[in-house]
Amino acid sequence: MIDLKKTKKVGSAGKFGPRYGRKIRKNIAEIEKSLKERKLCPYCMYKAVKREAAGIWKCRKCGRVFTGGAYTLVTASHKSSERTLKRIVEV
């Protein structure tokens, strides 16, 4: 059983105890927190997208399954390529 005193500040990273250092545990807790929350679906614009597996996301409302980043729905490289394509189309 997990001791609640350990997880109050660090959240889900409390399972690591004092190992691996504060910064790494903080980053892991942040990533795991963002994985659990629902994201906005790019198709139906409803906040119902959840992660199925690494890089696979599914909207619970419209049922669409699509790919994205392993930990986030939209990666930094995807945002960058979208900006570049938008700039090319405008010219």
PDB file of N, CA and C in Angstrom:
ATOM      1  N   MET A   1       0.838  -1.191   0.000  1.00  0.00           N
ATOM      2  CA  MET A   1       0.000   0.000   0.000  1.00  0.00           C
ATOM      3  C   MET A   1       0.878   1.248   0.000  1.00  0.00           C
ATOM      4  N   ILE A   2       0.506   2.255  -0.759  1.00  0.00           N
ATOM      5  CA  ILE A   2       1.287   3.483  -0.879  1.00  0.00           C
ATOM      6  C   ILE A   2       0.987   4.394   0.305  1.00  0.00           C
ATOM      7  N   ASP A   3       2.059   4.913   0.887  1.00  0.00           N
ATOM      8  CA  ASP A   3       1.906   5.849   1.996  1.00  0.00           C
ATOM      9  C   ASP A   3       1.524   7.215   1.430  1.00  0.00           C
ATOM     10  N   LEU A   4       0.423   7.788   1.861  1.00  0.00           N
ATOM     11  CA  LEU A   4      -0.052   9.062   1.329  1.00  0.00           C
ATOM     12  C   LEU A   4       0.887  10.217   1.647  1.00  0.00           C
ATOM     13  N   LYS A   5       1.676  10.106   2.696  1.00  0.00           N
ATOM     14  CA  LYS A   5       2.627  11.170   3.027  1.00  0.00           C
ATOM     15  C   LYS A   5       3.678  11.321   1.944  1.00  0.00           C
ATOM     16  N   LYS A   6       4.057  10.214   1.305  1.00  0.00           N
ATOM     17  CA  LYS A   6       5.062  10.258   0.245  1.00  0.00           C
ATOM     18  C   LYS A   6       4.540  10.921  -1.021  1.00  0.00           C
ATOM     19  N   THR A   7       3.245  10.757  -1.310  1.00  0.00           N
ATOM     20  CA  THR A   7       2.729  11.211  -2.598  1.00  0.00           C
ATOM     21  C   THR A   7       2.043  12.574  -2.549  1.00  0.00           C
ATOM     22  N   LYS A   8       1.981  13.201  -1.406  1.00  0.00           N
ATOM     23  CA  LYS A   8       1.264  14.471  -1.309  1.00  0.00           C
ATOM     24  C   LYS A   8       1.915  15.564  -2.167  1.00  0.00           C
ATOM     25  N   LYS A   9       3.228  15.698  -2.090  1.00  0.00           N
ATOM     26  CA  LYS A   9       3.916  16.733  -2.862  1.00  0.00           C
ATOM     27  C   LYS A   9       4.282  16.277  -4.266  1.00  0.00           C
ATOM     28  N   VAL A  10       4.736  15.060  -4.394  1.00  0.00           N
ATOM     29  CA  VAL A  10       5.285  14.607  -5.669  1.00  0.00           C
ATOM     30  C   VAL A  10       4.297  13.872  -6.554  1.00  0.00           C
ATOM     31  N   GLY A  11       3.109  13.590  -6.057  1.00  0.00           N
ATOM     32  CA  GLY A  11       2.090  12.933  -6.866  1.00  0.00           C
ATOM     33  C   GLY A  11       2.454  11.503  -7.192  1.00  0.00           C
ATOM     34  N   SER A  12       2.328  11.126  -8.454  1.00  0.00           N
ATOM     35  CA  SER A  12       2.552   9.742  -8.856  1.00  0.00           C
ATOM     36  C   SER A  12       4.014   9.330  -8.778  1.00  0.00           C
ATOM     37  N   ALA A  13       4.935  10.283  -8.702  1.00  0.00           N
ATOM     38  CA  ALA A  13       6.362   9.966  -8.609  1.00  0.00           C
ATOM     39  C   ALA A  13       6.760   9.537  -7.203  1.00  0.00           C
ATOM     40  N   GLY A  14       5.824   9.539  -6.277  1.00  0.00           N
ATOM     41  CA  GLY A  14       6.105   9.096  -4.918  1.00  0.00           C
ATOM     42  C   GLY A  14       6.482   7.631  -4.853  1.00  0.00           C
ATOM     43  N   LYS A  15       6.133   6.875  -5.902  1.00  0.00           N
ATOM     44  CA  LYS A  15       6.467   5.453  -5.940  1.00  0.00           C
ATOM     45  C   LYS A  15       7.973   5.214  -6.026  1.00  0.00           C
ATOM     46  N   PHE A  16       8.730   6.230  -6.447  1.00  0.00           N
ATOM     47  CA  PHE A  16      10.177   6.088  -6.561  1.00  0.00           C
ATOM     48  C   PHE A  16      10.908   6.391  -5.258  1.00  0.00           C
ATOM     49  N   GLY A  17      10.203   6.973  -4.298  1.00  0.00           N
ATOM     50  CA  GLY A  17      10.829   7.308  -3.018  1.00  0.00           C
ATOM     51  C   GLY A  17      11.928   8.335  -3.203  1.00  0.00           C
ATOM     52  N   PRO A  18      13.073   8.169  -2.529  1.00  0.00           N
ATOM     53  CA  PRO A  18      14.159   9.148  -2.658  1.00  0.00           C
ATOM     54  C   PRO A  18      15.080   8.908  -3.859  1.00  0.00           C
ATOM     55  N   ARG A  19      14.792   7.878  -4.671  1.00  0.00           N
ATOM     56  CA  ARG A  19      15.687   7.537  -5.775  1.00  0.00           C
ATOM     57  C   ARG A  19      15.550   8.493  -6.961  1.00  0.00           C
ATOM     58  N   TYR A  20      16.586   8.558  -7.770  1.00  0.00           N
ATOM     59  CA  TYR A  20      16.663   9.242  -9.070  1.00  0.00           C
ATOM     60  C   TYR A  20      16.740  10.755  -9.023  1.00  0.00           C
ATOM     61  N   GLY A  21      16.605  11.396  -7.908  1.00  0.00           N
ATOM     62  CA  GLY A  21      16.742  12.843  -7.824  1.00  0.00           C
ATOM     63  C   GLY A  21      15.425  13.578  -7.987  1.00  0.00           C
ATOM     64  N   ARG A  22      15.397  14.773  -7.443  1.00  0.00           N
ATOM     65  CA  ARG A  22      14.163  15.562  -7.382  1.00  0.00           C
ATOM     66  C   ARG A  22      13.672  15.989  -8.762  1.00  0.00           C
ATOM     67  N   LYS A  23      14.600  16.454  -9.600  1.00  0.00           N
ATOM     68  CA  LYS A  23      14.229  16.999 -10.901  1.00  0.00           C
ATOM     69  C   LYS A  23      13.589  15.938 -11.806  1.00  0.00           C
ATOM     70  N   ILE A  24      14.172  14.754 -11.834  1.00  0.00           N
ATOM     71  CA  ILE A  24      13.648  13.682 -12.676  1.00  0.00           C
ATOM     72  C   ILE A  24      12.272  13.244 -12.183  1.00  0.00           C
ATOM     73  N   ARG A  25      12.132  13.102 -10.861  1.00  0.00           N
ATOM     74  CA  ARG A  25      10.841  12.700 -10.313  1.00  0.00           C
ATOM     75  C   ARG A  25       9.774  13.753 -10.570  1.00  0.00           C
ATOM     76  N   LYS A  26      10.159  15.020 -10.524  1.00  0.00           N
ATOM     77  CA  LYS A  26       9.210  16.103 -10.801  1.00  0.00           C
ATOM     78  C   LYS A  26       8.750  16.052 -12.262  1.00  0.00           C
ATOM     79  N   ASN A  27       9.688  15.820 -13.177  1.00  0.00           N
ATOM     80  CA  ASN A  27       9.345  15.714 -14.597  1.00  0.00           C
ATOM     81  C   ASN A  27       8.425  14.528 -14.869  1.00  0.00           C
ATOM     82  N   ILE A  28       8.705  13.407 -14.229  1.00  0.00           N
ATOM     83  CA  ILE A  28       7.876  12.219 -14.408  1.00  0.00           C
ATOM     84  C   ILE A  28       6.468  12.466 -13.890  1.00  0.00           C
ATOM     85  N   ALA A  29       6.359  13.111 -12.733  1.00  0.00           N
ATOM     86  CA  ALA A  29       5.038  13.404 -12.165  1.00  0.00           C
ATOM     87  C   ALA A  29       4.242  14.314 -13.090  1.00  0.00           C
ATOM     88  N   GLU A  30       4.916  15.291 -13.696  1.00  0.00           N
ATOM     89  CA  GLU A  30       4.269  16.220 -14.626  1.00  0.00           C
ATOM     90  C   GLU A  30       3.766  15.494 -15.876  1.00  0.00           C
ATOM     91  N   ILE A  31       4.592  14.602 -16.421  1.00  0.00           N
ATOM     92  CA  ILE A  31       4.218  13.837 -17.613  1.00  0.00           C
ATOM     93  C   ILE A  31       3.046  12.917 -17.312  1.00  0.00           C
ATOM     94  N   GLU A  32       3.108  12.212 -16.179  1.00  0.00           N
ATOM     95  CA  GLU A  32       2.033  11.283 -15.832  1.00  0.00           C
ATOM     96  C   GLU A  32       0.728  12.013 -15.547  1.00  0.00           C
ATOM     97  N   LYS A  33       0.813  13.210 -14.994  1.00  0.00           N
ATOM     98  CA  LYS A  33      -0.391  14.001 -14.741  1.00  0.00           C
ATOM     99  C   LYS A  33      -1.045  14.415 -16.058  1.00  0.00           C
ATOM    100  N   SER A  34      -0.232  14.841 -17.028  1.00  0.00           N
ATOM    101  CA  SER A  34      -0.781  15.252 -18.323  1.00  0.00           C
ATOM    102  C   SER A  34      -1.324  14.062 -19.110  1.00  0.00           C
ATOM    103  N   LEU A  35      -0.776  12.865 -18.886  1.00  0.00           N
ATOM    104  CA  LEU A  35      -1.275  11.675 -19.577  1.00  0.00           C
ATOM    105  C   LEU A  35      -2.690  11.330 -19.143  1.00  0.00           C
ATOM    106  N   LYS A  36      -3.008  11.569 -17.886  1.00  0.00           N
ATOM    107  CA  LYS A  36      -4.304  11.177 -17.341  1.00  0.00           C
ATOM    108  C   LYS A  36      -5.444  12.121 -17.726  1.00  0.00           C
ATOM    109  N   GLU A  37      -5.129  13.381 -18.025  1.00  0.00           N
ATOM    110  CA  GLU A  37      -6.204  14.329 -18.337  1.00  0.00           C
ATOM    111  C   GLU A  37      -6.674  14.185 -19.782  1.00  0.00           C
ATOM    112  N   ARG A  38      -7.913  14.567 -20.019  1.00  0.00           N
ATOM    113  CA  ARG A  38      -8.483  14.476 -21.357  1.00  0.00           C
ATOM    114  C   ARG A  38      -8.070  15.675 -22.199  1.00  0.00           C
ATOM    115  N   LYS A  39      -7.856  15.417 -23.482  1.00  0.00           N
ATOM    116  CA  LYS A  39      -7.417  16.452 -24.418  1.00  0.00           C
ATOM    117  C   LYS A  39      -8.549  16.797 -25.380  1.00  0.00           C
ATOM    118  N   LEU A  40      -8.365  17.897 -26.103  1.00  0.00           N
ATOM    119  CA  LEU A  40      -9.348  18.368 -27.074  1.00  0.00           C
ATOM    120  C   LEU A  40      -9.197  17.600 -28.386  1.00  0.00           C
ATOM    121  N   CYS A  41     -10.295  17.037 -28.874  1.00  0.00           N
ATOM    122  CA  CYS A  41     -10.280  16.273 -30.126  1.00  0.00           C
ATOM    123  C   CYS A  41     -10.157  17.238 -31.305  1.00  0.00           C
ATOM    124  N   PRO A  42      -9.220  16.990 -32.229  1.00  0.00           N
ATOM    125  CA  PRO A  42      -9.080  17.874 -33.394  1.00  0.00           C
ATOM    126  C   PRO A  42     -10.202  17.721 -34.408  1.00  0.00           C
ATOM    127  N   TYR A  43     -11.019  16.677 -34.298  1.00  0.00           N
ATOM    128  CA  TYR A  43     -12.092  16.427 -35.258  1.00  0.00           C
ATOM    129  C   TYR A  43     -13.443  16.960 -34.776  1.00  0.00           C
ATOM    130  N   CYS A  44     -13.835  16.607 -33.541  1.00  0.00           N
ATOM    131  CA  CYS A  44     -15.156  17.025 -33.057  1.00  0.00           C
ATOM    132  C   CYS A  44     -15.081  18.179 -32.056  1.00  0.00           C
ATOM    133  N   MET A  45     -13.875  18.630 -31.719  1.00  0.00           N
ATOM    134  CA  MET A  45     -13.639  19.745 -30.794  1.00  0.00           C
ATOM    135  C   MET A  45     -14.289  19.526 -29.419  1.00  0.00           C
ATOM    136  N   TYR A  46     -14.284  18.286 -28.968  1.00  0.00           N
ATOM    137  CA  TYR A  46     -14.828  17.936 -27.660  1.00  0.00           C
ATOM    138  C   TYR A  46     -13.681  17.422 -26.800  1.00  0.00           C
ATOM    139  N   LYS A  47     -13.683  17.729 -25.540  1.00  0.00           N
ATOM    140  CA  LYS A  47     -12.584  17.338 -24.655  1.00  0.00           C
ATOM    141  C   LYS A  47     -12.786  15.890 -24.208  1.00  0.00           C
ATOM    142  N   ALA A  48     -12.435  14.950 -25.099  1.00  0.00           N
ATOM    143  CA  ALA A  48     -12.689  13.545 -24.812  1.00  0.00           C
ATOM    144  C   ALA A  48     -11.588  12.616 -25.308  1.00  0.00           C
ATOM    145  N   VAL A  49     -10.420  13.140 -25.640  1.00  0.00           N
ATOM    146  CA  VAL A  49      -9.345  12.311 -26.169  1.00  0.00           C
ATOM    147  C   VAL A  49      -8.496  11.766 -25.024  1.00  0.00           C
ATOM    148  N   LYS A  50      -8.290  10.453 -25.051  1.00  0.00           N
ATOM    149  CA  LYS A  50      -7.438   9.802 -24.066  1.00  0.00           C
ATOM    150  C   LYS A  50      -6.413   8.947 -24.777  1.00  0.00           C
ATOM    151  N   ARG A  51      -5.298   8.703 -24.113  1.00  0.00           N
ATOM    152  CA  ARG A  51      -4.214   7.919 -24.674  1.00  0.00           C
ATOM    153  C   ARG A  51      -4.544   6.435 -24.540  1.00  0.00           C
ATOM    154  N   GLU A  52      -4.483   5.717 -25.659  1.00  0.00           N
ATOM    155  CA  GLU A  52      -4.715   4.274 -25.665  1.00  0.00           C
ATOM    156  C   GLU A  52      -3.405   3.528 -25.425  1.00  0.00           C
ATOM    157  N   ALA A  53      -2.375   3.914 -26.156  1.00  0.00           N
ATOM    158  CA  ALA A  53      -1.041   3.325 -26.038  1.00  0.00           C
ATOM    159  C   ALA A  53      -0.047   4.412 -26.435  1.00  0.00           C
ATOM    160  N   ALA A  54       1.228   4.084 -26.438  1.00  0.00           N
ATOM    161  CA  ALA A  54       2.252   5.077 -26.779  1.00  0.00           C
ATOM    162  C   ALA A  54       2.042   5.571 -28.204  1.00  0.00           C
ATOM    163  N   GLY A  55       1.652   6.826 -28.360  1.00  0.00           N
ATOM    164  CA  GLY A  55       1.456   7.429 -29.672  1.00  0.00           C
ATOM    165  C   GLY A  55       0.091   7.199 -30.286  1.00  0.00           C
ATOM    166  N   ILE A  56      -0.783   6.454 -29.618  1.00  0.00           N
ATOM    167  CA  ILE A  56      -2.123   6.181 -30.142  1.00  0.00           C
ATOM    168  C   ILE A  56      -3.150   6.837 -29.228  1.00  0.00           C
ATOM    169  N   TRP A  57      -3.989   7.697 -29.815  1.00  0.00           N
ATOM    170  CA  TRP A  57      -4.977   8.465 -29.064  1.00  0.00           C
ATOM    171  C   TRP A  57      -6.362   8.175 -29.612  1.00  0.00           C
ATOM    172  N   LYS A  58      -7.379   8.186 -28.738  1.00  0.00           N
ATOM    173  CA  LYS A  58      -8.740   7.881 -29.163  1.00  0.00           C
ATOM    174  C   LYS A  58      -9.711   8.873 -28.542  1.00  0.00           C
ATOM    175  N   CYS A  59     -10.624   9.382 -29.381  1.00  0.00           N
ATOM    176  CA  CYS A  59     -11.680  10.266 -28.901  1.00  0.00           C
ATOM    177  C   CYS A  59     -12.822   9.405 -28.389  1.00  0.00           C
ATOM    178  N   ARG A  60     -13.257   9.660 -27.172  1.00  0.00           N
ATOM    179  CA  ARG A  60     -14.326   8.867 -26.576  1.00  0.00           C
ATOM    180  C   ARG A  60     -15.703   9.277 -27.108  1.00  0.00           C
ATOM    181  N   LYS A  61     -15.789  10.457 -27.722  1.00  0.00           N
ATOM    182  CA  LYS A  61     -17.080  10.937 -28.229  1.00  0.00           C
ATOM    183  C   LYS A  61     -17.325  10.484 -29.665  1.00  0.00           C
ATOM    184  N   CYS A  62     -16.407  10.848 -30.577  1.00  0.00           N
ATOM    185  CA  CYS A  62     -16.627  10.519 -31.989  1.00  0.00           C
ATOM    186  C   CYS A  62     -16.009   9.177 -32.388  1.00  0.00           C
ATOM    187  N   GLY A  63     -15.186   8.592 -31.529  1.00  0.00           N
ATOM    188  CA  GLY A  63     -14.624   7.272 -31.798  1.00  0.00           C
ATOM    189  C   GLY A  63     -13.416   7.250 -32.709  1.00  0.00           C
ATOM    190  N   ARG A  64     -12.923   8.399 -33.122  1.00  0.00           N
ATOM    191  CA  ARG A  64     -11.764   8.451 -34.012  1.00  0.00           C
ATOM    192  C   ARG A  64     -10.506   8.010 -33.264  1.00  0.00           C
ATOM    193  N   VAL A  65      -9.680   7.255 -33.953  1.00  0.00           N
ATOM    194  CA  VAL A  65      -8.387   6.837 -33.424  1.00  0.00           C
ATOM    195  C   VAL A  65      -7.334   7.458 -34.317  1.00  0.00           C
ATOM    196  N   PHE A  66      -6.338   8.116 -33.726  1.00  0.00           N
ATOM    197  CA  PHE A  66      -5.304   8.766 -34.512  1.00  0.00           C
ATOM    198  C   PHE A  66      -3.989   8.742 -33.762  1.00  0.00           C
ATOM    199  N   THR A  67      -2.925   9.111 -34.458  1.00  0.00           N
ATOM    200  CA  THR A  67      -1.601   9.070 -33.848  1.00  0.00           C
ATOM    201  C   THR A  67      -1.183  10.464 -33.400  1.00  0.00           C
ATOM    202  N   GLY A  68      -0.261  10.480 -32.488  1.00  0.00           N
ATOM    203  CA  GLY A  68       0.297  11.720 -31.969  1.00  0.00           C
ATOM    204  C   GLY A  68       1.610  11.398 -31.299  1.00  0.00           C
ATOM    205  N   GLY A  69       1.997  12.219 -30.374  1.00  0.00           N
ATOM    206  CA  GLY A  69       3.219  11.948 -29.645  1.00  0.00           C
ATOM    207  C   GLY A  69       3.005  10.853 -28.613  1.00  0.00           C
ATOM    208  N   ALA A  70       4.096  10.350 -28.068  1.00  0.00           N
ATOM    209  CA  ALA A  70       4.007   9.288 -27.067  1.00  0.00           C
ATOM    210  C   ALA A  70       3.385   9.794 -25.774  1.00  0.00           C
ATOM    211  N   TYR A  71       3.711  11.025 -25.394  1.00  0.00           N
ATOM    212  CA  TYR A  71       3.224  11.561 -24.127  1.00  0.00           C
ATOM    213  C   TYR A  71       2.282  12.740 -24.288  1.00  0.00           C
ATOM    214  N   THR A  72       2.308  13.405 -25.447  1.00  0.00           N
ATOM    215  CA  THR A  72       1.426  14.531 -25.701  1.00  0.00           C
ATOM    216  C   THR A  72       0.691  14.309 -27.020  1.00  0.00           C
ATOM    217  N   LEU A  73      -0.460  14.911 -27.144  1.00  0.00           N
ATOM    218  CA  LEU A  73      -1.263  14.738 -28.355  1.00  0.00           C
ATOM    219  C   LEU A  73      -0.570  15.341 -29.574  1.00  0.00           C
ATOM    220  N   VAL A  74       0.008  16.521 -29.412  1.00  0.00           N
ATOM    221  CA  VAL A  74       0.695  17.210 -30.504  1.00  0.00           C
ATOM    222  C   VAL A  74       2.133  17.476 -30.079  1.00  0.00           C
ATOM    223  N   THR A  75       3.083  17.010 -30.877  1.00  0.00           N
ATOM    224  CA  THR A  75       4.493  17.188 -30.555  1.00  0.00           C
ATOM    225  C   THR A  75       5.005  18.538 -31.058  1.00  0.00           C
ATOM    226  N   ALA A  76       6.163  18.935 -30.588  1.00  0.00           N
ATOM    227  CA  ALA A  76       6.765  20.203 -31.005  1.00  0.00           C
ATOM    228  C   ALA A  76       7.120  20.181 -32.489  1.00  0.00           C
ATOM    229  N   SER A  77       7.604  19.044 -32.990  1.00  0.00           N
ATOM    230  CA  SER A  77       7.954  18.951 -34.411  1.00  0.00           C
ATOM    231  C   SER A  77       6.710  19.035 -35.297  1.00  0.00           C
ATOM    232  N   HIS A  78       5.589  18.526 -34.805  1.00  0.00           N
ATOM    233  CA  HIS A  78       4.330  18.622 -35.553  1.00  0.00           C
ATOM    234  C   HIS A  78       3.878  20.072 -35.654  1.00  0.00           C
ATOM    235  N   LYS A  79       3.976  20.808 -34.549  1.00  0.00           N
ATOM    236  CA  LYS A  79       3.611  22.222 -34.566  1.00  0.00           C
ATOM    237  C   LYS A  79       4.484  22.998 -35.541  1.00  0.00           C
ATOM    238  N   SER A  80       5.774  22.688 -35.533  1.00  0.00           N
ATOM    239  CA  SER A  80       6.718  23.364 -36.416  1.00  0.00           C
ATOM    240  C   SER A  80       6.397  23.093 -37.886  1.00  0.00           C
ATOM    241  N   SER A  81       6.115  21.840 -38.220  1.00  0.00           N
ATOM    242  CA  SER A  81       5.805  21.503 -39.610  1.00  0.00           C
ATOM    243  C   SER A  81       4.485  22.124 -40.060  1.00  0.00           C
ATOM    244  N   GLU A  82       3.519  22.226 -39.153  1.00  0.00           N
ATOM    245  CA  GLU A  82       2.251  22.887 -39.494  1.00  0.00           C
ATOM    246  C   GLU A  82       2.463  24.355 -39.825  1.00  0.00           C
ATOM    247  N   ARG A  83       3.306  25.031 -39.033  1.00  0.00           N
ATOM    248  CA  ARG A  83       3.604  26.443 -39.298  1.00  0.00           C
ATOM    249  C   ARG A  83       4.280  26.605 -40.649  1.00  0.00           C
ATOM    250  N   THR A  84       5.210  25.720 -40.970  1.00  0.00           N
ATOM    251  CA  THR A  84       5.919  25.787 -42.245  1.00  0.00           C
ATOM    252  C   THR A  84       4.957  25.573 -43.407  1.00  0.00           C
ATOM    253  N   LEU A  85       4.097  24.576 -43.308  1.00  0.00           N
ATOM    254  CA  LEU A  85       3.123  24.318 -44.370  1.00  0.00           C
ATOM    255  C   LEU A  85       2.164  25.490 -44.546  1.00  0.00           C
ATOM    256  N   LYS A  86       1.741  26.077 -43.436  1.00  0.00           N
ATOM    257  CA  LYS A  86       0.828  27.222 -43.503  1.00  0.00           C
ATOM    258  C   LYS A  86       1.507  28.396 -44.227  1.00  0.00           C
ATOM    259  N   ARG A  87       2.792  28.616 -43.923  1.00  0.00           N
ATOM    260  CA  ARG A  87       3.545  29.692 -44.549  1.00  0.00           C
ATOM    261  C   ARG A  87       3.686  29.438 -46.056  1.00  0.00           C
ATOM    262  N   ILE A  88       3.926  28.207 -46.452  1.00  0.00           N
ATOM    263  CA  ILE A  88       4.078  27.856 -47.864  1.00  0.00           C
ATOM    264  C   ILE A  88       2.769  28.043 -48.630  1.00  0.00           C
ATOM    265  N   VAL A  89       1.657  27.656 -48.013  1.00  0.00           N
ATOM    266  CA  VAL A  89       0.345  27.771 -48.652  1.00  0.00           C
ATOM    267  C   VAL A  89      -0.045  29.235 -48.835  1.00  0.00           C
ATOM    268  N   GLU A  90       0.298  30.098 -47.882  1.00  0.00           N
ATOM    269  CA  GLU A  90      -0.057  31.519 -47.964  1.00  0.00           C
ATOM    270  C   GLU A  90       0.681  32.231 -49.081  1.00  0.00           C
ATOM    271  N   VAL A  91       1.877  31.775 -49.417  1.00  0.00           N
ATOM    272  CA  VAL A  91       2.694  32.439 -50.459  1.00  0.00           C
ATOM    273  C   VAL A  91       2.248  32.060 -51.802  1.00  0.00           C
TER     274      VAL A  91
END
